[in-house]
Amino acid sequence: MSNIALKSVLLSMPLILGACQTVTADEAAVARSVATTDGHALAQAACAGCHSVERYGLSPNPKSPEFPTIANARGLSVATLTNWLRNAHNYPEEMDFYLEDDETASLVSYILSLRDEAYQPPR
């Protein structure tokens, strides 16, 4: 799904949900699924040259951690990963590129979808 299509879906959600006054678990799951799908496509396009972006596999660059390893890192949260991805000065030179806010959110959603089911995120 393109960024334009994703934005259209996400922007229309308040109108749809406003009529219902509640967000069902199914609707929340659909929104997460859209973000995760876009995040996966972005990861394949921008990150897979160095990182393994799939649930299983080794990174092409041995110095680049696999996405599931990142997802299960101690202390990682939506906030910490988002902050790291938004601050380009934190990147190694190979990762010095700009992400729009929606791209960052999609990539974070995708990476965190790779957490082990037994993983308990920090509170």
PDB file of N, CA and C in Angstrom:
ATOM      1  N   MET A   1       0.860  -1.172   0.000  1.00  0.00           N
ATOM      2  CA  MET A   1       0.000   0.000   0.000  1.00  0.00           C
ATOM      3  C   MET A   1       0.902   1.229   0.000  1.00  0.00           C
ATOM      4  N   SER A   2       0.570   2.182  -0.787  1.00  0.00           N
ATOM      5  CA  SER A   2       1.371   3.398  -0.883  1.00  0.00           C
ATOM      6  C   SER A   2       1.144   4.272   0.344  1.00  0.00           C
ATOM      7  N   ASN A   3       2.056   5.211   0.537  1.00  0.00           N
ATOM      8  CA  ASN A   3       1.905   6.152   1.653  1.00  0.00           C
ATOM      9  C   ASN A   3       0.622   6.962   1.519  1.00  0.00           C
ATOM     10  N   ILE A   4       0.253   7.296   0.295  1.00  0.00           N
ATOM     11  CA  ILE A   4      -0.975   8.072   0.072  1.00  0.00           C
ATOM     12  C   ILE A   4      -2.186   7.246   0.483  1.00  0.00           C
ATOM     13  N   ALA A   5      -2.192   5.973   0.105  1.00  0.00           N
ATOM     14  CA  ALA A   5      -3.314   5.104   0.472  1.00  0.00           C
ATOM     15  C   ALA A   5      -3.370   4.922   1.982  1.00  0.00           C
ATOM     16  N   LEU A   6      -2.201   4.727   2.608  1.00  0.00           N
ATOM     17  CA  LEU A   6      -2.154   4.577   4.059  1.00  0.00           C
ATOM     18  C   LEU A   6      -2.679   5.833   4.745  1.00  0.00           C
ATOM     19  N   LYS A   7      -2.232   6.995   4.283  1.00  0.00           N
ATOM     20  CA  LYS A   7      -2.699   8.244   4.879  1.00  0.00           C
ATOM     21  C   LYS A   7      -4.210   8.388   4.716  1.00  0.00           C
ATOM     22  N   SER A   8      -4.731   8.002   3.547  1.00  0.00           N
ATOM     23  CA  SER A   8      -6.174   8.086   3.318  1.00  0.00           C
ATOM     24  C   SER A   8      -6.936   7.204   4.293  1.00  0.00           C
ATOM     25  N   VAL A   9      -6.429   5.977   4.482  1.00  0.00           N
ATOM     26  CA  VAL A   9      -7.080   5.062   5.425  1.00  0.00           C
ATOM     27  C   VAL A   9      -7.016   5.623   6.830  1.00  0.00           C
ATOM     28  N   LEU A  10      -5.828   6.066   7.232  1.00  0.00           N
ATOM     29  CA  LEU A  10      -5.662   6.562   8.598  1.00  0.00           C
ATOM     30  C   LEU A  10      -6.442   7.850   8.837  1.00  0.00           C
ATOM     31  N   LEU A  11      -6.497   8.732   7.838  1.00  0.00           N
ATOM     32  CA  LEU A  11      -7.242   9.971   8.000  1.00  0.00           C
ATOM     33  C   LEU A  11      -8.747   9.744   8.025  1.00  0.00           C
ATOM     34  N   SER A  12      -9.204   8.696   7.362  1.00  0.00           N
ATOM     35  CA  SER A  12     -10.643   8.417   7.364  1.00  0.00           C
ATOM     36  C   SER A  12     -11.092   7.672   8.614  1.00  0.00           C
ATOM     37  N   MET A  13     -10.150   7.098   9.349  1.00  0.00           N
ATOM     38  CA  MET A  13     -10.510   6.329  10.543  1.00  0.00           C
ATOM     39  C   MET A  13     -11.298   7.156  11.563  1.00  0.00           C
ATOM     40  N   PRO A  14     -10.907   8.407  11.882  1.00  0.00           N
ATOM     41  CA  PRO A  14     -11.697   9.161  12.855  1.00  0.00           C
ATOM     42  C   PRO A  14     -13.150   9.365  12.414  1.00  0.00           C
ATOM     43  N   LEU A  15     -13.369   9.569  11.112  1.00  0.00           N
ATOM     44  CA  LEU A  15     -14.734   9.741  10.621  1.00  0.00           C
ATOM     45  C   LEU A  15     -15.537   8.454  10.777  1.00  0.00           C
ATOM     46  N   ILE A  16     -14.908   7.359  10.415  1.00  0.00           N
ATOM     47  CA  ILE A  16     -15.581   6.067  10.542  1.00  0.00           C
ATOM     48  C   ILE A  16     -15.823   5.745  12.004  1.00  0.00           C
ATOM     49  N   LEU A  17     -14.796   5.921  12.798  1.00  0.00           N
ATOM     50  CA  LEU A  17     -14.890   5.569  14.211  1.00  0.00           C
ATOM     51  C   LEU A  17     -15.776   6.535  14.975  1.00  0.00           C
ATOM     52  N   GLY A  18     -15.849   7.778  14.530  1.00  0.00           N
ATOM     53  CA  GLY A  18     -16.702   8.753  15.201  1.00  0.00           C
ATOM     54  C   GLY A  18     -18.159   8.345  15.160  1.00  0.00           C
ATOM     55  N   ALA A  19     -18.559   7.690  14.097  1.00  0.00           N
ATOM     56  CA  ALA A  19     -19.946   7.225  13.992  1.00  0.00           C
ATOM     57  C   ALA A  19     -20.226   6.110  14.984  1.00  0.00           C
ATOM     58  N   CYS A  20     -19.210   5.340  15.319  1.00  0.00           N
ATOM     59  CA  CYS A  20     -19.374   4.211  16.233  1.00  0.00           C
ATOM     60  C   CYS A  20     -19.142   4.613  17.686  1.00  0.00           C
ATOM     61  N   GLN A  21     -18.346   5.628  17.891  1.00  0.00           N
ATOM     62  CA  GLN A  21     -17.964   6.114  19.213  1.00  0.00           C
ATOM     63  C   GLN A  21     -17.023   5.174  19.956  1.00  0.00           C
ATOM     64  N   THR A  22     -16.709   4.016  19.394  1.00  0.00           N
ATOM     65  CA  THR A  22     -15.765   3.101  20.026  1.00  0.00           C
ATOM     66  C   THR A  22     -14.878   2.496  18.961  1.00  0.00           C
ATOM     67  N   VAL A  23     -13.703   2.073  19.367  1.00  0.00           N
ATOM     68  CA  VAL A  23     -12.785   1.384  18.470  1.00  0.00           C
ATOM     69  C   VAL A  23     -12.802  -0.080  18.873  1.00  0.00           C
ATOM     70  N   THR A  24     -13.178  -0.932  17.945  1.00  0.00           N
ATOM     71  CA  THR A  24     -13.188  -2.353  18.251  1.00  0.00           C
ATOM     72  C   THR A  24     -11.778  -2.912  18.125  1.00  0.00           C
ATOM     73  N   ALA A  25     -11.575  -4.064  18.700  1.00  0.00           N
ATOM     74  CA  ALA A  25     -10.275  -4.732  18.599  1.00  0.00           C
ATOM     75  C   ALA A  25      -9.953  -5.044  17.142  1.00  0.00           C
ATOM     76  N   ASP A  26     -10.974  -5.395  16.355  1.00  0.00           N
ATOM     77  CA  ASP A  26     -10.754  -5.697  14.938  1.00  0.00           C
ATOM     78  C   ASP A  26     -10.283  -4.472  14.166  1.00  0.00           C
ATOM     79  N   GLU A  27     -10.864  -3.315  14.436  1.00  0.00           N
ATOM     80  CA  GLU A  27     -10.469  -2.079  13.753  1.00  0.00           C
ATOM     81  C   GLU A  27      -9.046  -1.690  14.130  1.00  0.00           C
ATOM     82  N   ALA A  28      -8.707  -1.831  15.399  1.00  0.00           N
ATOM     83  CA  ALA A  28      -7.344  -1.526  15.836  1.00  0.00           C
ATOM     84  C   ALA A  28      -6.356  -2.481  15.181  1.00  0.00           C
ATOM     85  N   ALA A  29      -6.740  -3.745  15.054  1.00  0.00           N
ATOM     86  CA  ALA A  29      -5.868  -4.736  14.421  1.00  0.00           C
ATOM     87  C   ALA A  29      -5.655  -4.405  12.943  1.00  0.00           C
ATOM     88  N   VAL A  30      -6.696  -3.940  12.268  1.00  0.00           N
ATOM     89  CA  VAL A  30      -6.578  -3.560  10.850  1.00  0.00           C
ATOM     90  C   VAL A  30      -5.611  -2.386  10.707  1.00  0.00           C
ATOM     91  N   ALA A  31      -5.735  -1.377  11.559  1.00  0.00           N
ATOM     92  CA  ALA A  31      -4.830  -0.216  11.500  1.00  0.00           C
ATOM     93  C   ALA A  31      -3.388  -0.653  11.730  1.00  0.00           C
ATOM     94  N   ARG A  32      -3.161  -1.539  12.703  1.00  0.00           N
ATOM     95  CA  ARG A  32      -1.803  -2.048  12.956  1.00  0.00           C
ATOM     96  C   ARG A  32      -1.299  -2.855  11.769  1.00  0.00           C
ATOM     97  N   SER A  33      -2.178  -3.637  11.161  1.00  0.00           N
ATOM     98  CA  SER A  33      -1.802  -4.463  10.022  1.00  0.00           C
ATOM     99  C   SER A  33      -1.360  -3.606   8.835  1.00  0.00           C
ATOM    100  N   VAL A  34      -2.071  -2.523   8.577  1.00  0.00           N
ATOM    101  CA  VAL A  34      -1.709  -1.614   7.480  1.00  0.00           C
ATOM    102  C   VAL A  34      -0.329  -1.014   7.746  1.00  0.00           C
ATOM    103  N   ALA A  35      -0.115  -0.524   8.956  1.00  0.00           N
ATOM    104  CA  ALA A  35       1.176   0.072   9.306  1.00  0.00           C
ATOM    105  C   ALA A  35       2.285  -0.968   9.216  1.00  0.00           C
ATOM    106  N   THR A  36       2.007  -2.188   9.675  1.00  0.00           N
ATOM    107  CA  THR A  36       3.007  -3.246   9.643  1.00  0.00           C
ATOM    108  C   THR A  36       3.354  -3.625   8.206  1.00  0.00           C
ATOM    109  N   THR A  37       2.364  -3.707   7.335  1.00  0.00           N
ATOM    110  CA  THR A  37       2.599  -4.052   5.931  1.00  0.00           C
ATOM    111  C   THR A  37       3.452  -2.983   5.258  1.00  0.00           C
ATOM    112  N   ASP A  38       3.135  -1.712   5.474  1.00  0.00           N
ATOM    113  CA  ASP A  38       3.939  -0.630   4.907  1.00  0.00           C
ATOM    114  C   ASP A  38       5.351  -0.644   5.496  1.00  0.00           C
ATOM    115  N   GLY A  39       5.450  -0.926   6.774  1.00  0.00           N
ATOM    116  CA  GLY A  39       6.757  -0.992   7.431  1.00  0.00           C
ATOM    117  C   GLY A  39       7.607  -2.112   6.863  1.00  0.00           C
ATOM    118  N   HIS A  40       6.993  -3.244   6.568  1.00  0.00           N
ATOM    119  CA  HIS A  40       7.720  -4.369   5.978  1.00  0.00           C
ATOM    120  C   HIS A  40       8.253  -3.991   4.597  1.00  0.00           C
ATOM    121  N   ALA A  41       7.414  -3.354   3.788  1.00  0.00           N
ATOM    122  CA  ALA A  41       7.849  -2.929   2.450  1.00  0.00           C
ATOM    123  C   ALA A  41       9.000  -1.921   2.552  1.00  0.00           C
ATOM    124  N   LEU A  42       8.894  -0.981   3.475  1.00  0.00           N
ATOM    125  CA  LEU A  42       9.964   0.005   3.676  1.00  0.00           C
ATOM    126  C   LEU A  42      11.242  -0.681   4.140  1.00  0.00           C
ATOM    127  N   ALA A  43      11.107  -1.627   5.067  1.00  0.00           N
ATOM    128  CA  ALA A  43      12.281  -2.353   5.569  1.00  0.00           C
ATOM    129  C   ALA A  43      12.969  -3.107   4.440  1.00  0.00           C
ATOM    130  N   GLN A  44      12.187  -3.760   3.589  1.00  0.00           N
ATOM    131  CA  GLN A  44      12.781  -4.484   2.465  1.00  0.00           C
ATOM    132  C   GLN A  44      13.510  -3.531   1.521  1.00  0.00           C
ATOM    133  N   ALA A  45      12.915  -2.379   1.263  1.00  0.00           N
ATOM    134  CA  ALA A  45      13.506  -1.431   0.317  1.00  0.00           C
ATOM    135  C   ALA A  45      14.719  -0.702   0.876  1.00  0.00           C
ATOM    136  N   ALA A  46      14.647  -0.293   2.143  1.00  0.00           N
ATOM    137  CA  ALA A  46      15.683   0.593   2.688  1.00  0.00           C
ATOM    138  C   ALA A  46      16.677  -0.089   3.622  1.00  0.00           C
ATOM    139  N   CYS A  47      16.314  -1.241   4.184  1.00  0.00           N
ATOM    140  CA  CYS A  47      17.132  -1.810   5.258  1.00  0.00           C
ATOM    141  C   CYS A  47      17.719  -3.185   4.935  1.00  0.00           C
ATOM    142  N   ALA A  48      17.094  -3.912   4.010  1.00  0.00           N
ATOM    143  CA  ALA A  48      17.463  -5.305   3.772  1.00  0.00           C
ATOM    144  C   ALA A  48      18.842  -5.489   3.151  1.00  0.00           C
ATOM    145  N   GLY A  49      19.443  -4.427   2.665  1.00  0.00           N
ATOM    146  CA  GLY A  49      20.796  -4.546   2.134  1.00  0.00           C
ATOM    147  C   GLY A  49      21.807  -4.884   3.218  1.00  0.00           C
ATOM    148  N   CYS A  50      21.496  -4.495   4.458  1.00  0.00           N
ATOM    149  CA  CYS A  50      22.399  -4.759   5.574  1.00  0.00           C
ATOM    150  C   CYS A  50      21.771  -5.671   6.640  1.00  0.00           C
ATOM    151  N   HIS A  51      20.465  -5.470   6.903  1.00  0.00           N
ATOM    152  CA  HIS A  51      19.774  -6.198   7.976  1.00  0.00           C
ATOM    153  C   HIS A  51      18.919  -7.324   7.426  1.00  0.00           C
ATOM    154  N   SER A  52      18.772  -8.391   8.210  1.00  0.00           N
ATOM    155  CA  SER A  52      17.714  -9.349   7.931  1.00  0.00           C
ATOM    156  C   SER A  52      16.449  -8.710   8.472  1.00  0.00           C
ATOM    157  N   VAL A  53      15.480  -8.460   7.613  1.00  0.00           N
ATOM    158  CA  VAL A  53      14.258  -7.772   8.019  1.00  0.00           C
ATOM    159  C   VAL A  53      13.103  -8.756   8.219  1.00  0.00           C
ATOM    160  N   GLU A  54      13.367 -10.037   8.042  1.00  0.00           N
ATOM    161  CA  GLU A  54      12.342 -11.068   8.196  1.00  0.00           C
ATOM    162  C   GLU A  54      12.440 -11.693   9.590  1.00  0.00           C
ATOM    163  N   ARG A  55      11.431 -12.485   9.938  1.00  0.00           N
ATOM    164  CA  ARG A  55      11.407 -13.125  11.251  1.00  0.00           C
ATOM    165  C   ARG A  55      12.604 -14.051  11.440  1.00  0.00           C
ATOM    166  N   TYR A  56      13.036 -14.716  10.376  1.00  0.00           N
ATOM    167  CA  TYR A  56      14.164 -15.649  10.465  1.00  0.00           C
ATOM    168  C   TYR A  56      15.183 -15.299   9.396  1.00  0.00           C
ATOM    169  N   GLY A  57      16.438 -15.516   9.701  1.00  0.00           N
ATOM    170  CA  GLY A  57      17.491 -15.280   8.726  1.00  0.00           C
ATOM    171  C   GLY A  57      18.612 -14.450   9.318  1.00  0.00           C
ATOM    172  N   LEU A  58      19.723 -14.466   8.626  1.00  0.00           N
ATOM    173  CA  LEU A  58      20.895 -13.716   9.056  1.00  0.00           C
ATOM    174  C   LEU A  58      21.037 -12.461   8.206  1.00  0.00           C
ATOM    175  N   SER A  59      21.556 -11.423   8.814  1.00  0.00           N
ATOM    176  CA  SER A  59      21.762 -10.167   8.094  1.00  0.00           C
ATOM    177  C   SER A  59      22.875 -10.329   7.062  1.00  0.00           C
ATOM    178  N   PRO A  60      22.724  -9.712   5.885  1.00  0.00           N
ATOM    179  CA  PRO A  60      23.787  -9.748   4.881  1.00  0.00           C
ATOM    180  C   PRO A  60      25.089  -9.131   5.405  1.00  0.00           C
ATOM    181  N   ASN A  61      24.973  -8.113   6.247  1.00  0.00           N
ATOM    182  CA  ASN A  61      26.136  -7.488   6.869  1.00  0.00           C
ATOM    183  C   ASN A  61      26.220  -8.023   8.305  1.00  0.00           C
ATOM    184  N   PRO A  62      27.245  -8.784   8.621  1.00  0.00           N
ATOM    185  CA  PRO A  62      27.345  -9.372   9.963  1.00  0.00           C
ATOM    186  C   PRO A  62      27.352  -8.341  11.108  1.00  0.00           C
ATOM    187  N   LYS A  63      27.679  -7.089  10.799  1.00  0.00           N
ATOM    188  CA  LYS A  63      27.675  -6.045  11.835  1.00  0.00           C
ATOM    189  C   LYS A  63      26.282  -5.459  12.059  1.00  0.00           C
ATOM    190  N   SER A  64      25.319  -5.816  11.220  1.00  0.00           N
ATOM    191  CA  SER A  64      23.962  -5.272  11.305  1.00  0.00           C
ATOM    192  C   SER A  64      23.049  -6.286  11.984  1.00  0.00           C
ATOM    193  N   PRO A  65      22.435  -5.917  13.095  1.00  0.00           N
ATOM    194  CA  PRO A  65      21.578  -6.882  13.793  1.00  0.00           C
ATOM    195  C   PRO A  65      20.321  -7.211  12.987  1.00  0.00           C
ATOM    196  N   GLU A  66      19.857  -8.434  13.161  1.00  0.00           N
ATOM    197  CA  GLU A  66      18.612  -8.865  12.542  1.00  0.00           C
ATOM    198  C   GLU A  66      17.469  -8.097  13.212  1.00  0.00           C
ATOM    199  N   PHE A  67      16.420  -7.787  12.457  1.00  0.00           N
ATOM    200  CA  PHE A  67      15.285  -7.040  13.018  1.00  0.00           C
ATOM    201  C   PHE A  67      14.663  -7.723  14.239  1.00  0.00           C
ATOM    202  N   PRO A  68      14.504  -9.071  14.271  1.00  0.00           N
ATOM    203  CA  PRO A  68      13.962  -9.680  15.488  1.00  0.00           C
ATOM    204  C   PRO A  68      14.865  -9.461  16.708  1.00  0.00           C
ATOM    205  N   THR A  69      16.167  -9.391  16.492  1.00  0.00           N
ATOM    206  CA  THR A  69      17.088  -9.102  17.594  1.00  0.00           C
ATOM    207  C   THR A  69      16.851  -7.685  18.110  1.00  0.00           C
ATOM    208  N   ILE A  70      16.663  -6.757  17.193  1.00  0.00           N
ATOM    209  CA  ILE A  70      16.360  -5.378  17.581  1.00  0.00           C
ATOM    210  C   ILE A  70      15.030  -5.344  18.336  1.00  0.00           C
ATOM    211  N   ALA A  71      14.020  -6.027  17.796  1.00  0.00           N
ATOM    212  CA  ALA A  71      12.674  -6.006  18.390  1.00  0.00           C
ATOM    213  C   ALA A  71      12.660  -6.526  19.821  1.00  0.00           C
ATOM    214  N   ASN A  72      13.551  -7.452  20.138  1.00  0.00           N
ATOM    215  CA  ASN A  72      13.578  -8.065  21.463  1.00  0.00           C
ATOM    216  C   ASN A  72      14.665  -7.490  22.367  1.00  0.00           C
ATOM    217  N   ALA A  73      15.264  -6.380  21.954  1.00  0.00           N
ATOM    218  CA  ALA A  73      16.311  -5.755  22.762  1.00  0.00           C
ATOM    219  C   ALA A  73      15.722  -5.236  24.079  1.00  0.00           C
ATOM    220  N   ARG A  74      16.453  -5.433  25.140  1.00  0.00           N
ATOM    221  CA  ARG A  74      16.021  -4.971  26.455  1.00  0.00           C
ATOM    222  C   ARG A  74      15.816  -3.457  26.437  1.00  0.00           C
ATOM    223  N   GLY A  75      14.692  -3.031  26.953  1.00  0.00           N
ATOM    224  CA  GLY A  75      14.397  -1.607  27.072  1.00  0.00           C
ATOM    225  C   GLY A  75      13.813  -0.962  25.825  1.00  0.00           C
ATOM    226  N   LEU A  76      13.705  -1.714  24.734  1.00  0.00           N
ATOM    227  CA  LEU A  76      13.160  -1.131  23.508  1.00  0.00           C
ATOM    228  C   LEU A  76      11.656  -0.928  23.647  1.00  0.00           C
ATOM    229  N   SER A  77      11.206   0.243  23.250  1.00  0.00           N
ATOM    230  CA  SER A  77       9.777   0.560  23.271  1.00  0.00           C
ATOM    231  C   SER A  77       9.457   1.335  21.999  1.00  0.00           C
ATOM    232  N   VAL A  78       8.190   1.594  21.783  1.00  0.00           N
ATOM    233  CA  VAL A  78       7.784   2.418  20.645  1.00  0.00           C
ATOM    234  C   VAL A  78       8.521   3.754  20.714  1.00  0.00           C
ATOM    235  N   ALA A  79       8.548   4.333  21.902  1.00  0.00           N
ATOM    236  CA  ALA A  79       9.169   5.658  22.067  1.00  0.00           C
ATOM    237  C   ALA A  79      10.669   5.624  21.799  1.00  0.00           C
ATOM    238  N   THR A  80      11.381   4.632  22.346  1.00  0.00           N
ATOM    239  CA  THR A  80      12.838   4.612  22.170  1.00  0.00           C
ATOM    240  C   THR A  80      13.226   4.321  20.730  1.00  0.00           C
ATOM    241  N   LEU A  81      12.504   3.402  20.078  1.00  0.00           N
ATOM    242  CA  LEU A  81      12.827   3.086  18.688  1.00  0.00           C
ATOM    243  C   LEU A  81      12.471   4.250  17.770  1.00  0.00           C
ATOM    244  N   THR A  82      11.339   4.871  18.010  1.00  0.00           N
ATOM    245  CA  THR A  82      10.939   6.040  17.224  1.00  0.00           C
ATOM    246  C   THR A  82      11.971   7.148  17.366  1.00  0.00           C
ATOM    247  N   ASN A  83      12.385   7.431  18.578  1.00  0.00           N
ATOM    248  CA  ASN A  83      13.380   8.469  18.828  1.00  0.00           C
ATOM    249  C   ASN A  83      14.685   8.150  18.103  1.00  0.00           C
ATOM    250  N   TRP A  84      15.120   6.921  18.175  1.00  0.00           N
ATOM    251  CA  TRP A  84      16.383   6.538  17.530  1.00  0.00           C
ATOM    252  C   TRP A  84      16.288   6.706  16.017  1.00  0.00           C
ATOM    253  N   LEU A  85      15.172   6.273  15.436  1.00  0.00           N
ATOM    254  CA  LEU A  85      15.027   6.379  13.982  1.00  0.00           C
ATOM    255  C   LEU A  85      14.853   7.821  13.510  1.00  0.00           C
ATOM    256  N   ARG A  86      14.314   8.686  14.335  1.00  0.00           N
ATOM    257  CA  ARG A  86      14.113  10.093  13.948  1.00  0.00           C
ATOM    258  C   ARG A  86      15.379  10.924  14.065  1.00  0.00           C
ATOM    259  N   ASN A  87      16.342  10.460  14.814  1.00  0.00           N
ATOM    260  CA  ASN A  87      17.559  11.234  15.049  1.00  0.00           C
ATOM    261  C   ASN A  87      18.713  10.660  14.244  1.00  0.00           C
ATOM    262  N   ALA A  88      18.872  11.171  13.025  1.00  0.00           N
ATOM    263  CA  ALA A  88      19.856  10.635  12.086  1.00  0.00           C
ATOM    264  C   ALA A  88      21.273  10.636  12.639  1.00  0.00           C
ATOM    265  N   HIS A  89      21.570  11.501  13.602  1.00  0.00           N
ATOM    266  CA  HIS A  89      22.933  11.524  14.140  1.00  0.00           C
ATOM    267  C   HIS A  89      23.247  10.245  14.905  1.00  0.00           C
ATOM    268  N   ASN A  90      22.236   9.452  15.204  1.00  0.00           N
ATOM    269  CA  ASN A  90      22.461   8.174  15.884  1.00  0.00           C
ATOM    270  C   ASN A  90      22.855   7.070  14.908  1.00  0.00           C
ATOM    271  N   TYR A  91      22.650   7.282  13.626  1.00  0.00           N
ATOM    272  CA  TYR A  91      22.847   6.234  12.641  1.00  0.00           C
ATOM    273  C   TYR A  91      24.313   6.028  12.313  1.00  0.00           C
ATOM    274  N   PRO A  92      24.652   4.797  11.968  1.00  0.00           N
ATOM    275  CA  PRO A  92      25.933   4.603  11.275  1.00  0.00           C
ATOM    276  C   PRO A  92      25.816   5.278   9.904  1.00  0.00           C
ATOM    277  N   GLU A  93      26.916   5.555   9.279  1.00  0.00           N
ATOM    278  CA  GLU A  93      26.923   6.274   8.003  1.00  0.00           C
ATOM    279  C   GLU A  93      26.019   5.612   6.954  1.00  0.00           C
ATOM    280  N   GLU A  94      25.997   4.278   6.926  1.00  0.00           N
ATOM    281  CA  GLU A  94      25.195   3.558   5.932  1.00  0.00           C
ATOM    282  C   GLU A  94      23.696   3.802   6.113  1.00  0.00           C
ATOM    283  N   MET A  95      23.293   4.226   7.291  1.00  0.00           N
ATOM    284  CA  MET A  95      21.875   4.423   7.579  1.00  0.00           C
ATOM    285  C   MET A  95      21.483   5.889   7.578  1.00  0.00           C
ATOM    286  N   ASP A  96      22.307   6.746   7.092  1.00  0.00           N
ATOM    287  CA  ASP A  96      22.025   8.175   7.152  1.00  0.00           C
ATOM    288  C   ASP A  96      21.036   8.564   6.058  1.00  0.00           C
ATOM    289  N   PHE A  97      19.733   8.380   6.343  1.00  0.00           N
ATOM    290  CA  PHE A  97      18.685   8.778   5.415  1.00  0.00           C
ATOM    291  C   PHE A  97      17.512   9.303   6.225  1.00  0.00           C
ATOM    292  N   TYR A  98      16.644  10.042   5.561  1.00  0.00           N
ATOM    293  CA  TYR A  98      15.524  10.701   6.223  1.00  0.00           C
ATOM    294  C   TYR A  98      14.265   9.851   6.129  1.00  0.00           C
ATOM    295  N   LEU A  99      13.529   9.780   7.222  1.00  0.00           N
ATOM    296  CA  LEU A  99      12.234   9.110   7.234  1.00  0.00           C
ATOM    297  C   LEU A  99      11.153  10.113   7.609  1.00  0.00           C
ATOM    298  N   GLU A 100      10.055  10.101   6.871  1.00  0.00           N
ATOM    299  CA  GLU A 100       8.884  10.898   7.232  1.00  0.00           C
ATOM    300  C   GLU A 100       8.291  10.289   8.506  1.00  0.00           C
ATOM    301  N   ASP A 101       7.469  11.056   9.223  1.00  0.00           N
ATOM    302  CA  ASP A 101       6.870  10.559  10.457  1.00  0.00           C
ATOM    303  C   ASP A 101       6.050   9.295  10.233  1.00  0.00           C
ATOM    304  N   ASP A 102       5.267   9.240   9.141  1.00  0.00           N
ATOM    305  CA  ASP A 102       4.459   8.050   8.883  1.00  0.00           C
ATOM    306  C   ASP A 102       5.332   6.848   8.533  1.00  0.00           C
ATOM    307  N   GLU A 103       6.449   7.079   7.860  1.00  0.00           N
ATOM    308  CA  GLU A 103       7.382   5.993   7.552  1.00  0.00           C
ATOM    309  C   GLU A 103       8.029   5.470   8.831  1.00  0.00           C
ATOM    310  N   THR A 104       8.402   6.382   9.714  1.00  0.00           N
ATOM    311  CA  THR A 104       8.981   5.976  10.989  1.00  0.00           C
ATOM    312  C   THR A 104       7.987   5.134  11.773  1.00  0.00           C
ATOM    313  N   ALA A 105       6.741   5.591  11.856  1.00  0.00           N
ATOM    314  CA  ALA A 105       5.713   4.857  12.596  1.00  0.00           C
ATOM    315  C   ALA A 105       5.483   3.474  11.994  1.00  0.00           C
ATOM    316  N   SER A 106       5.447   3.381  10.674  1.00  0.00           N
ATOM    317  CA  SER A 106       5.257   2.088  10.016  1.00  0.00           C
ATOM    318  C   SER A 106       6.427   1.152  10.261  1.00  0.00           C
ATOM    319  N   LEU A 107       7.636   1.681  10.187  1.00  0.00           N
ATOM    320  CA  LEU A 107       8.823   0.865  10.417  1.00  0.00           C
ATOM    321  C   LEU A 107       8.869   0.388  11.865  1.00  0.00           C
ATOM    322  N   VAL A 108       8.559   1.261  12.800  1.00  0.00           N
ATOM    323  CA  VAL A 108       8.513   0.880  14.225  1.00  0.00           C
ATOM    324  C   VAL A 108       7.471  -0.215  14.430  1.00  0.00           C
ATOM    325  N   SER A 109       6.296  -0.037  13.846  1.00  0.00           N
ATOM    326  CA  SER A 109       5.232  -1.036  13.971  1.00  0.00           C
ATOM    327  C   SER A 109       5.693  -2.383  13.433  1.00  0.00           C
ATOM    328  N   TYR A 110       6.343  -2.365  12.284  1.00  0.00           N
ATOM    329  CA  TYR A 110       6.818  -3.618  11.703  1.00  0.00           C
ATOM    330  C   TYR A 110       7.881  -4.268  12.580  1.00  0.00           C
ATOM    331  N   ILE A 111       8.874  -3.512  12.987  1.00  0.00           N
ATOM    332  CA  ILE A 111       9.948  -4.088  13.804  1.00  0.00           C
ATOM    333  C   ILE A 111       9.366  -4.694  15.076  1.00  0.00           C
ATOM    334  N   LEU A 112       8.480  -3.977  15.741  1.00  0.00           N
ATOM    335  CA  LEU A 112       7.918  -4.486  16.989  1.00  0.00           C
ATOM    336  C   LEU A 112       6.996  -5.683  16.756  1.00  0.00           C
ATOM    337  N   SER A 113       6.482  -5.848  15.537  1.00  0.00           N
ATOM    338  CA  SER A 113       5.667  -7.031  15.237  1.00  0.00           C
ATOM    339  C   SER A 113       6.515  -8.299  15.225  1.00  0.00           C
ATOM    340  N   LEU A 114       7.830  -8.156  15.193  1.00  0.00           N
ATOM    341  CA  LEU A 114       8.741  -9.292  15.157  1.00  0.00           C
ATOM    342  C   LEU A 114       9.159  -9.764  16.546  1.00  0.00           C
ATOM    343  N   ARG A 115       8.606  -9.159  17.587  1.00  0.00           N
ATOM    344  CA  ARG A 115       8.932  -9.588  18.955  1.00  0.00           C
ATOM    345  C   ARG A 115       8.467 -11.016  19.186  1.00  0.00           C
ATOM    346  N   ASP A 116       9.237 -11.733  19.990  1.00  0.00           N
ATOM    347  CA  ASP A 116       8.813 -13.068  20.407  1.00  0.00           C
ATOM    348  C   ASP A 116       7.549 -12.927  21.235  1.00  0.00           C
ATOM    349  N   GLU A 117       6.636 -13.875  21.102  1.00  0.00           N
ATOM    350  CA  GLU A 117       5.389 -13.805  21.834  1.00  0.00           C
ATOM    351  C   GLU A 117       5.619 -13.795  23.342  1.00  0.00           C
ATOM    352  N   ALA A 118       6.680 -14.456  23.795  1.00  0.00           N
ATOM    353  CA  ALA A 118       6.959 -14.534  25.236  1.00  0.00           C
ATOM    354  C   ALA A 118       7.610 -13.258  25.765  1.00  0.00           C
ATOM    355  N   TYR A 119       8.026 -12.357  24.863  1.00  0.00           N
ATOM    356  CA  TYR A 119       8.704 -11.130  25.277  1.00  0.00           C
ATOM    357  C   TYR A 119       7.760 -10.226  26.061  1.00  0.00           C
ATOM    358  N   GLN A 120       8.231  -9.716  27.156  1.00  0.00           N
ATOM    359  CA  GLN A 120       7.458  -8.773  27.967  1.00  0.00           C
ATOM    360  C   GLN A 120       8.127  -7.407  27.880  1.00  0.00           C
ATOM    361  N   PRO A 121       7.524  -6.453  27.135  1.00  0.00           N
ATOM    362  CA  PRO A 121       8.149  -5.124  26.994  1.00  0.00           C
ATOM    363  C   PRO A 121       8.223  -4.415  28.340  1.00  0.00           C
ATOM    364  N   PRO A 122       9.155  -3.480  28.485  1.00  0.00           N
ATOM    365  CA  PRO A 122       9.278  -2.737  29.733  1.00  0.00           C
ATOM    366  C   PRO A 122       8.042  -1.875  29.958  1.00  0.00           C
ATOM    367  N   ARG A 123       7.761  -1.595  31.208  1.00  0.00           N
ATOM    368  CA  ARG A 123       6.617  -0.734  31.531  1.00  0.00           C
ATOM    369  C   ARG A 123       7.072   0.622  31.917  1.00  0.00           C
TER     370      ARG A 123
END
